[in-house]
Amino acid sequence: MKPLDIAKVYFEQAAHLMKYDLRTRTMLWTPAREIKVEITIETDAGEIGTYIGYRVQHDNARGPMKGGLRYHPTVDPDEVQSLATLMTWKTAVVNIPFGGGKGGVACDPDKLSQRELETITRKYVDGLHDVIGPYIDVLAPDVNTNAQVMAWIMDQYSKTRGFTPAVVTGKPVELHGSLGREAATGRGVVLAIKNLLGHLGRPMEGTRVAIQGFGNVGSYAALLAEQCGARVVGVSDQFGAVYNKDALDVKALIEHYASKKSVVGFCGGIALERESLLTMDCDVLIPSALSNAITADNMDDIRADVIIEAANSPISPEADKHLNDKGKIILPDIYANTGGVTVSYFEWAQNIQQMPWSEEQVNEGLKAKMSTAFADILTTREKLNTDFRLAAYALGMERVRSATMQRGVL
């Protein structure tokens, strides 16, 4: 299933629980604006390169649109719309004053030079500058974009609008980015685990964790989980997996990954095929890589009793229902991976206030937001007698519906 189809399934299920009529569903689902930008550059080879950029601004009832920018060959309007929609519910679940947006450029960064990437970024901003801004739509990093790309966005926008750091988050700290932003999504994942285990009366100490994906999110989640006393027994990337029944040395694994660009070859564990990570014997499974990682093909083999969605839409609806029926507990992406957007909000607030925060302030603020959001999801779950996913969707959707109606629809 495509990510947009998956998002639509869960949206409709939650809308049914909330007894929304067709007009309300249409209002909540339909994007406010969809933008397509042609980007033409001169390549390093002196040829003409043409790329298509997208930005979907889904909803601004609760505040400016907010969402990442990804560079990937598979970027298309459906993918961008699905992610923009998810961002609307995410920001509402953690109750920060943003709506949802998402952007992307269909390109392969591995085949582009630094100069070509910079030119694409600046031309993308030129195509959008009238419909983005600190109080309109705030961009952020996503797949294959980073702090450097965010710095180019800030600079290009500021050329016509004056110095405007709040147009984008995830910037370098030297350019008014926020301390704690790099680790924020992984930290949020670990806070989500702690909140859930605390609710279940289970300790973090000794909990066996397996993580699919060892990029920014997966590596920080592993490191912070280990620091909380969990045992990280398995990690995978696109090339393979590594397993240690006692625990991997996460710091050593991070150093190995930085050197080899893969977990493959790490001497502190047993090498396995990457697909085996998802079916590994563990207590908590964290898919933090691809959508549709858990489907009908492997759902019967999932051994973890707790699944934390660090990636967007890593479980197909069919597998989600099957796992819930088996008693598995799933914390959905629209809660579990909100650490990044929450700290992006903190960065935006710092830029607006022109007042930097300490890293301790940022981390404590994130902890408070994740704790309150979890309590709100629990309350909604008990009220509707449903699972964590639909409770989170219902919570976010109702906050957006309420804000829309209170602002007025005329």
Protein backbone atom coordinates (compact mmCIF):
# COMPACT_ATOMS: atom_id res chain seq x y z
CA MET A 1 0.00 0.00 0.00
CA LYS A 2 1.11 3.55 -0.70
CA PRO A 3 1.70 5.81 2.33
CA LEU A 4 -1.26 8.01 1.32
CA ASP A 5 -3.56 4.98 1.25
CA ILE A 6 -2.32 3.87 4.67
CA ALA A 7 -2.89 7.33 6.14
CA LYS A 8 -6.39 7.38 4.63
CA VAL A 9 -7.31 4.01 6.19
CA TYR A 10 -6.40 5.15 9.71
CA PHE A 11 -8.03 8.55 9.15
CA GLU A 12 -11.32 6.93 8.14
CA GLN A 13 -11.23 4.50 11.05
CA ALA A 14 -10.70 7.33 13.53
CA ALA A 15 -13.34 9.49 11.83
CA HIS A 16 -15.80 6.62 12.19
CA LEU A 17 -14.99 6.32 15.90
CA MET A 18 -15.56 10.05 16.31
CA LYS A 19 -18.81 9.89 14.29
CA TYR A 20 -17.69 12.62 11.87
CA ASP A 21 -20.02 13.24 8.94
CA LEU A 22 -18.81 13.36 5.33
CA ARG A 23 -18.42 17.15 5.29
CA THR A 24 -16.23 17.10 8.39
CA ARG A 25 -14.10 14.30 6.96
CA THR A 26 -13.64 16.19 3.70
CA MET A 27 -12.69 19.36 5.57
CA LEU A 28 -10.09 17.57 7.69
CA TRP A 29 -8.58 15.46 4.91
CA THR A 30 -8.30 17.90 1.98
CA PRO A 31 -5.01 19.85 1.73
CA ALA A 32 -5.21 23.63 1.87
CA ARG A 33 -2.67 24.04 -0.94
CA GLU A 34 -0.56 21.85 -3.25
CA ILE A 35 2.41 23.37 -5.06
CA LYS A 36 4.56 22.03 -7.89
CA VAL A 37 7.82 23.76 -8.78
CA GLU A 38 10.01 23.20 -11.83
CA ILE A 39 13.71 23.52 -10.96
CA THR A 40 16.17 23.94 -13.82
CA ILE A 41 19.90 24.14 -13.18
CA GLU A 42 23.16 23.96 -15.08
CA THR A 43 24.94 20.79 -13.97
CA ASP A 44 28.67 20.53 -13.29
CA ALA A 45 28.97 18.86 -16.70
CA GLY A 46 27.53 21.97 -18.35
CA GLU A 47 24.23 20.29 -19.20
CA ILE A 48 20.66 21.25 -18.29
CA GLY A 49 19.23 19.44 -15.28
CA THR A 50 15.49 19.57 -14.60
CA TYR A 51 13.89 18.50 -11.34
CA ILE A 52 10.37 18.72 -9.92
CA GLY A 53 9.78 20.00 -6.41
CA TYR A 54 6.60 19.67 -4.37
CA ARG A 55 5.11 21.26 -1.28
CA VAL A 56 1.79 20.25 0.24
CA GLN A 57 0.37 22.55 2.91
CA HIS A 58 -2.29 20.48 4.58
CA ASP A 59 -3.79 22.51 7.41
CA ASN A 60 -3.15 25.72 9.34
CA ALA A 61 -6.12 25.82 11.73
CA ARG A 62 -3.82 25.53 14.77
CA GLY A 63 -0.87 27.52 13.46
CA PRO A 64 1.59 27.81 10.56
CA MET A 65 2.13 24.70 8.46
CA LYS A 66 5.22 22.77 9.52
CA GLY A 67 7.09 19.90 7.92
CA GLY A 68 10.24 18.53 6.40
CA LEU A 69 11.84 18.69 2.98
CA ARG A 70 13.16 15.44 1.49
CA TYR A 71 15.38 14.79 -1.54
CA HIS A 72 14.79 11.36 -3.06
CA PRO A 73 14.17 9.88 -6.54
CA THR A 74 10.78 8.46 -5.49
CA VAL A 75 9.30 11.74 -4.23
CA ASP A 76 5.85 12.28 -5.75
CA PRO A 77 2.66 14.22 -4.90
CA ASP A 78 0.98 11.28 -3.12
CA GLU A 79 3.93 10.68 -0.81
CA VAL A 80 4.23 14.36 0.05
CA GLN A 81 0.50 14.67 0.73
CA SER A 82 0.49 11.65 3.02
CA LEU A 83 3.37 13.03 5.06
CA ALA A 84 1.82 16.51 5.24
CA THR A 85 -1.39 14.95 6.53
CA LEU A 86 0.48 12.95 9.16
CA MET A 87 2.26 16.11 10.27
CA THR A 88 -1.08 17.82 10.93
CA TRP A 89 -2.08 15.05 13.35
CA LYS A 90 1.40 14.87 14.91
CA THR A 91 1.56 18.54 15.82
CA ALA A 92 -1.96 18.30 17.25
CA VAL A 93 -1.19 15.18 19.29
CA VAL A 94 1.76 16.87 21.05
CA ASN A 95 -0.27 20.10 21.16
CA ILE A 96 2.20 22.49 19.56
CA PRO A 97 0.88 25.51 17.60
CA PHE A 98 1.52 24.22 14.08
CA GLY A 99 -0.36 22.58 11.26
CA GLY A 100 1.00 20.10 8.76
CA GLY A 101 3.10 20.52 5.64
CA LYS A 102 5.67 18.53 3.70
CA GLY A 103 7.94 19.05 0.73
CA GLY A 104 10.27 17.16 -1.54
CA VAL A 105 12.34 17.25 -4.69
CA ALA A 106 12.51 14.24 -6.99
CA CYS A 107 16.29 13.87 -7.30
CA ASP A 108 19.09 11.53 -6.29
CA PRO A 109 21.47 13.38 -3.92
CA ASP A 110 24.09 10.65 -4.32
CA LYS A 111 24.47 11.69 -7.97
CA LEU A 112 24.64 15.43 -7.29
CA SER A 113 27.57 17.58 -6.25
CA GLN A 114 27.42 19.97 -3.32
CA ARG A 115 27.08 22.89 -5.72
CA GLU A 116 24.25 21.22 -7.60
CA LEU A 117 22.40 20.45 -4.35
CA GLU A 118 22.79 24.03 -3.21
CA THR A 119 21.49 25.39 -6.53
CA ILE A 120 18.47 23.05 -6.44
CA THR A 121 17.73 24.13 -2.86
CA ARG A 122 17.93 27.83 -3.60
CA LYS A 123 15.74 27.54 -6.71
CA TYR A 124 13.21 25.49 -4.74
CA VAL A 125 13.01 28.33 -2.21
CA ASP A 126 12.64 30.88 -5.01
CA GLY A 127 9.66 28.96 -6.32
CA LEU A 128 7.99 28.95 -2.89
CA HIS A 129 9.05 32.20 -1.23
CA ASP A 130 5.60 33.79 -1.47
CA VAL A 131 3.88 30.88 0.34
CA ILE A 132 6.40 30.03 3.07
CA GLY A 133 7.54 31.99 6.10
CA PRO A 134 7.64 31.94 9.92
CA TYR A 135 3.88 32.47 10.18
CA ILE A 136 2.88 30.64 6.98
CA ASP A 137 4.88 27.42 6.47
CA VAL A 138 8.10 26.46 8.26
CA LEU A 139 10.46 23.96 6.61
CA ALA A 140 12.68 21.37 8.31
CA PRO A 141 15.11 18.51 7.49
CA ASP A 142 13.90 15.13 6.29
CA VAL A 143 15.29 12.28 4.18
CA ASN A 144 18.62 13.28 2.55
CA THR A 145 18.48 16.86 3.82
CA ASN A 146 20.39 18.22 6.79
CA ALA A 147 21.48 21.33 8.68
CA GLN A 148 23.49 22.58 5.69
CA VAL A 149 20.45 22.41 3.40
CA MET A 150 18.43 24.28 6.03
CA ALA A 151 21.13 26.97 6.16
CA TRP A 152 20.83 27.46 2.38
CA ILE A 153 17.04 27.77 2.73
CA MET A 154 17.35 30.40 5.44
CA ASP A 155 19.91 32.37 3.46
CA GLN A 156 17.93 32.30 0.20
CA TYR A 157 14.69 33.33 1.86
CA SER A 158 16.44 36.08 3.81
CA LYS A 159 17.81 37.63 0.61
CA THR A 160 14.34 38.92 -0.26
CA ARG A 161 12.65 39.07 3.17
CA GLY A 162 15.45 40.22 5.45
CA PHE A 163 17.16 38.08 8.06
CA THR A 164 14.55 35.41 8.88
CA PRO A 165 15.94 32.38 10.73
CA ALA A 166 12.44 31.22 11.79
CA VAL A 167 11.52 30.28 8.20
CA VAL A 168 13.22 26.93 8.74
CA THR A 169 14.26 24.69 11.63
CA GLY A 170 17.02 22.11 11.95
CA LYS A 171 19.62 24.77 11.14
CA PRO A 172 23.24 24.68 12.36
CA VAL A 173 23.49 25.95 15.93
CA GLU A 174 25.79 28.71 14.66
CA LEU A 175 22.91 29.97 12.48
CA HIS A 176 20.34 30.04 15.28
CA GLY A 177 19.53 26.36 15.30
CA SER A 178 18.62 24.69 18.57
CA LEU A 179 20.74 22.65 20.89
CA GLY A 180 19.30 19.16 21.21
CA ARG A 181 17.68 19.18 17.76
CA GLU A 182 19.93 16.52 16.22
CA ALA A 183 19.05 13.91 18.84
CA ALA A 184 15.43 15.02 19.28
CA THR A 185 13.58 12.37 17.26
CA GLY A 186 15.58 9.52 18.77
CA ARG A 187 15.17 11.01 22.23
CA GLY A 188 11.44 11.28 21.69
CA VAL A 189 11.30 7.60 20.72
CA VAL A 190 13.01 6.60 23.97
CA LEU A 191 10.74 8.87 26.00
CA ALA A 192 7.76 7.20 24.32
CA ILE A 193 9.11 3.77 25.34
CA LYS A 194 9.61 4.90 28.92
CA ASN A 195 6.10 6.35 29.10
CA LEU A 196 4.56 3.15 27.74
CA LEU A 197 6.60 0.78 29.92
CA GLY A 198 5.82 2.92 32.95
CA HIS A 199 2.11 2.62 32.14
CA LEU A 200 2.49 -1.16 31.82
CA GLY A 201 4.41 -1.37 35.09
CA ARG A 202 7.54 -2.63 33.36
CA PRO A 203 11.08 -1.30 33.94
CA MET A 204 13.29 0.11 31.22
CA GLU A 205 16.24 -1.58 32.91
CA GLY A 206 17.06 -4.82 31.10
CA THR A 207 14.44 -4.39 28.35
CA ARG A 208 15.68 -5.98 25.12
CA VAL A 209 15.44 -3.56 22.18
CA ALA A 210 15.90 -4.21 18.45
CA ILE A 211 16.13 -1.30 15.99
CA GLN A 212 15.57 -1.44 12.24
CA GLY A 213 17.56 1.42 10.72
CA PHE A 214 20.71 3.04 12.10
CA GLY A 215 20.56 6.54 10.70
CA ASN A 216 20.07 9.64 12.81
CA VAL A 217 16.91 8.39 14.53
CA GLY A 218 17.95 4.78 15.05
CA SER A 219 21.45 5.55 16.31
CA TYR A 220 20.30 8.14 18.85
CA ALA A 221 17.46 5.89 19.98
CA ALA A 222 19.95 3.07 20.53
CA LEU A 223 22.39 5.25 22.45
CA LEU A 224 19.76 6.85 24.67
CA ALA A 225 17.96 3.55 25.31
CA GLU A 226 21.26 2.04 26.43
CA GLN A 227 21.83 5.00 28.74
CA CYS A 228 18.42 4.31 30.30
CA GLY A 229 19.42 0.74 31.10
CA ALA A 230 17.88 -1.06 28.12
CA ARG A 231 19.81 -3.78 26.30
CA VAL A 232 20.08 -3.08 22.57
CA VAL A 233 20.35 -6.63 21.22
CA GLY A 234 19.95 -5.99 17.49
CA VAL A 235 20.40 -3.28 14.88
CA SER A 236 20.08 -3.33 11.09
CA ASP A 237 20.66 -1.06 8.10
CA GLN A 238 20.13 -1.49 4.35
CA PHE A 239 23.13 -3.83 4.08
CA GLY A 240 22.62 -6.22 6.98
CA ALA A 241 22.02 -6.72 10.69
CA VAL A 242 24.04 -7.45 13.80
CA TYR A 243 22.83 -9.29 16.92
CA ASN A 244 24.11 -9.91 20.44
CA LYS A 245 21.80 -11.74 22.85
CA ASP A 246 23.42 -9.99 25.85
CA ALA A 247 23.73 -6.47 24.38
CA LEU A 248 25.57 -4.61 21.67
CA ASP A 249 28.08 -1.96 22.65
CA VAL A 250 26.19 0.95 21.09
CA LYS A 251 28.98 3.51 21.35
CA ALA A 252 31.41 1.12 19.62
CA LEU A 253 28.77 0.33 16.99
CA ILE A 254 28.26 4.04 16.27
CA GLU A 255 32.01 4.46 15.81
CA HIS A 256 32.07 1.45 13.47
CA TYR A 257 29.13 2.83 11.49
CA ALA A 258 30.80 6.22 11.14
CA SER A 259 33.86 4.53 9.68
CA LYS A 260 32.27 1.82 7.52
CA LYS A 261 28.88 3.45 6.73
CA SER A 262 27.19 0.22 7.78
CA VAL A 263 26.68 -2.03 10.80
CA VAL A 264 28.01 -4.91 8.69
CA GLY A 265 31.37 -6.15 9.92
CA PHE A 266 30.90 -5.05 13.51
CA CYS A 267 32.84 -7.51 15.65
CA GLY A 268 30.69 -7.11 18.75
CA GLY A 269 27.83 -9.26 17.47
CA ILE A 270 26.66 -11.96 15.09
CA ALA A 271 26.05 -10.94 11.47
CA LEU A 272 22.52 -11.63 10.17
CA GLU A 273 20.45 -10.82 7.11
CA ARG A 274 18.76 -7.43 7.47
CA GLU A 275 15.25 -8.93 7.20
CA SER A 276 15.83 -10.99 10.36
CA LEU A 277 15.89 -7.87 12.54
CA LEU A 278 12.11 -7.47 12.48
CA THR A 279 11.51 -11.04 13.66
CA MET A 280 14.27 -11.01 16.27
CA ASP A 281 13.62 -12.21 19.82
CA CYS A 282 13.24 -8.94 21.74
CA ASP A 283 10.86 -7.07 24.02
CA VAL A 284 10.64 -3.78 22.08
CA LEU A 285 10.93 -3.49 18.30
CA ILE A 286 11.64 -0.07 16.76
CA PRO A 287 11.12 0.19 12.98
CA SER A 288 12.97 3.41 12.14
CA ALA A 289 13.71 2.99 8.45
CA LEU A 290 11.09 2.32 5.79
CA SER A 291 7.33 2.44 5.39
CA ASN A 292 5.61 -0.93 4.96
CA ALA A 293 8.36 -2.77 6.82
CA ILE A 294 5.85 -5.02 8.59
CA THR A 295 3.20 -6.49 6.29
CA ALA A 296 1.18 -9.66 5.76
CA ASP A 297 4.40 -11.32 4.62
CA ASN A 298 6.12 -11.18 8.01
CA MET A 299 3.47 -10.22 10.57
CA ASP A 300 3.13 -13.78 11.90
CA ASP A 301 6.83 -13.86 12.72
CA ILE A 302 6.99 -10.70 14.86
CA ARG A 303 8.14 -11.75 18.33
CA ALA A 304 8.32 -8.41 20.15
CA ASP A 305 5.26 -7.60 22.24
CA VAL A 306 5.83 -3.83 21.98
CA ILE A 307 6.41 -1.98 18.69
CA ILE A 308 7.41 1.69 18.59
CA GLU A 309 6.99 3.35 15.18
CA ALA A 310 10.01 5.62 14.74
CA ALA A 311 9.53 5.56 10.95
CA ASN A 312 6.47 6.90 9.13
CA SER A 313 3.88 4.20 8.33
CA PRO A 314 6.17 1.18 8.94
CA ILE A 315 3.22 -1.18 9.52
CA SER A 316 0.56 -1.92 6.91
CA PRO A 317 -3.08 -1.70 8.05
CA GLU A 318 -3.53 -5.45 7.61
CA ALA A 319 -0.50 -6.19 9.77
CA ASP A 320 -1.55 -3.55 12.29
CA LYS A 321 -4.93 -5.24 12.83
CA HIS A 322 -3.33 -8.69 13.01
CA LEU A 323 -0.75 -7.61 15.58
CA ASN A 324 -3.34 -5.83 17.71
CA ASP A 325 -5.54 -8.93 17.62
CA LYS A 326 -2.56 -10.93 18.91
CA GLY A 327 -2.19 -8.54 21.83
CA LYS A 328 0.84 -6.65 20.59
CA ILE A 329 1.08 -3.03 21.75
CA ILE A 330 1.90 -0.49 19.02
CA LEU A 331 2.77 3.15 19.67
CA PRO A 332 2.02 4.91 16.36
CA ASP A 333 4.28 7.21 14.39
CA ILE A 334 2.07 10.25 14.99
CA TYR A 335 3.13 10.06 18.64
CA ALA A 336 6.35 8.03 18.80
CA ASN A 337 8.40 10.09 16.30
CA THR A 338 7.20 13.56 17.28
CA GLY A 339 10.42 14.45 19.12
CA GLY A 340 11.85 16.12 16.02
CA VAL A 341 8.88 18.39 15.29
CA THR A 342 8.53 19.24 18.99
CA VAL A 343 12.11 20.47 19.24
CA SER A 344 11.66 22.18 15.87
CA TYR A 345 8.87 24.12 17.56
CA PHE A 346 11.28 25.03 20.35
CA GLU A 347 13.79 26.23 17.74
CA TRP A 348 11.12 28.30 15.99
CA ALA A 349 10.10 29.82 19.35
CA GLN A 350 13.73 30.67 20.14
CA ASN A 351 14.08 32.39 16.76
CA ILE A 352 10.86 34.36 17.21
CA GLN A 353 11.83 35.41 20.74
CA GLN A 354 15.50 35.91 19.78
CA MET A 355 16.31 34.06 22.98
CA PRO A 356 18.35 30.81 22.83
CA TRP A 357 17.61 27.97 25.24
CA SER A 358 20.06 25.67 26.99
CA GLU A 359 20.15 22.02 25.94
CA GLU A 360 18.73 21.12 29.34
CA GLN A 361 15.73 23.40 28.74
CA VAL A 362 15.15 21.78 25.35
CA ASN A 363 15.37 18.22 26.68
CA GLU A 364 13.16 18.94 29.68
CA GLY A 365 10.61 20.63 27.42
CA LEU A 366 10.56 17.59 25.13
CA LYS A 367 10.15 15.25 28.10
CA ALA A 368 7.18 17.28 29.34
CA LYS A 369 5.49 17.36 25.91
CA MET A 370 5.93 13.62 25.34
CA SER A 371 4.59 12.83 28.82
CA THR A 372 1.52 15.06 28.49
CA ALA A 373 0.75 13.74 25.00
CA PHE A 374 0.96 10.14 26.22
CA ALA A 375 -1.45 10.91 29.06
CA ASP A 376 -3.85 12.54 26.58
CA ILE A 377 -3.68 9.49 24.29
CA LEU A 378 -4.38 7.19 27.25
CA THR A 379 -7.43 9.23 28.20
CA THR A 380 -8.74 9.12 24.62
CA ARG A 381 -8.00 5.40 24.35
CA GLU A 382 -10.01 4.63 27.46
CA LYS A 383 -12.87 6.90 26.38
CA LEU A 384 -13.16 5.32 22.92
CA ASN A 385 -12.15 1.79 23.96
CA THR A 386 -9.66 1.50 21.11
CA ASP A 387 -5.97 0.94 20.45
CA PHE A 388 -3.16 3.48 20.78
CA ARG A 389 -3.07 4.31 17.08
CA LEU A 390 -6.72 5.21 16.66
CA ALA A 391 -6.68 7.02 20.00
CA ALA A 392 -3.80 9.20 18.79
CA TYR A 393 -5.51 9.86 15.46
CA ALA A 394 -8.80 10.72 17.17
CA LEU A 395 -7.03 13.05 19.62
CA GLY A 396 -5.19 14.93 16.86
CA MET A 397 -8.13 15.08 14.48
CA GLU A 398 -10.51 16.40 17.13
CA ARG A 399 -8.10 19.16 18.10
CA VAL A 400 -7.86 20.23 14.46
CA ARG A 401 -11.63 19.99 13.95
CA SER A 402 -12.29 22.03 17.07
CA ALA A 403 -9.80 24.74 16.10
CA THR A 404 -11.25 24.94 12.59
CA MET A 405 -14.81 25.35 13.83
CA GLN A 406 -13.88 27.88 16.49
CA ARG A 407 -12.05 30.02 13.95
CA GLY A 408 -15.08 29.86 11.66
CA VAL A 409 -15.52 28.35 8.22
CA LEU A 410 -16.78 31.48 6.42
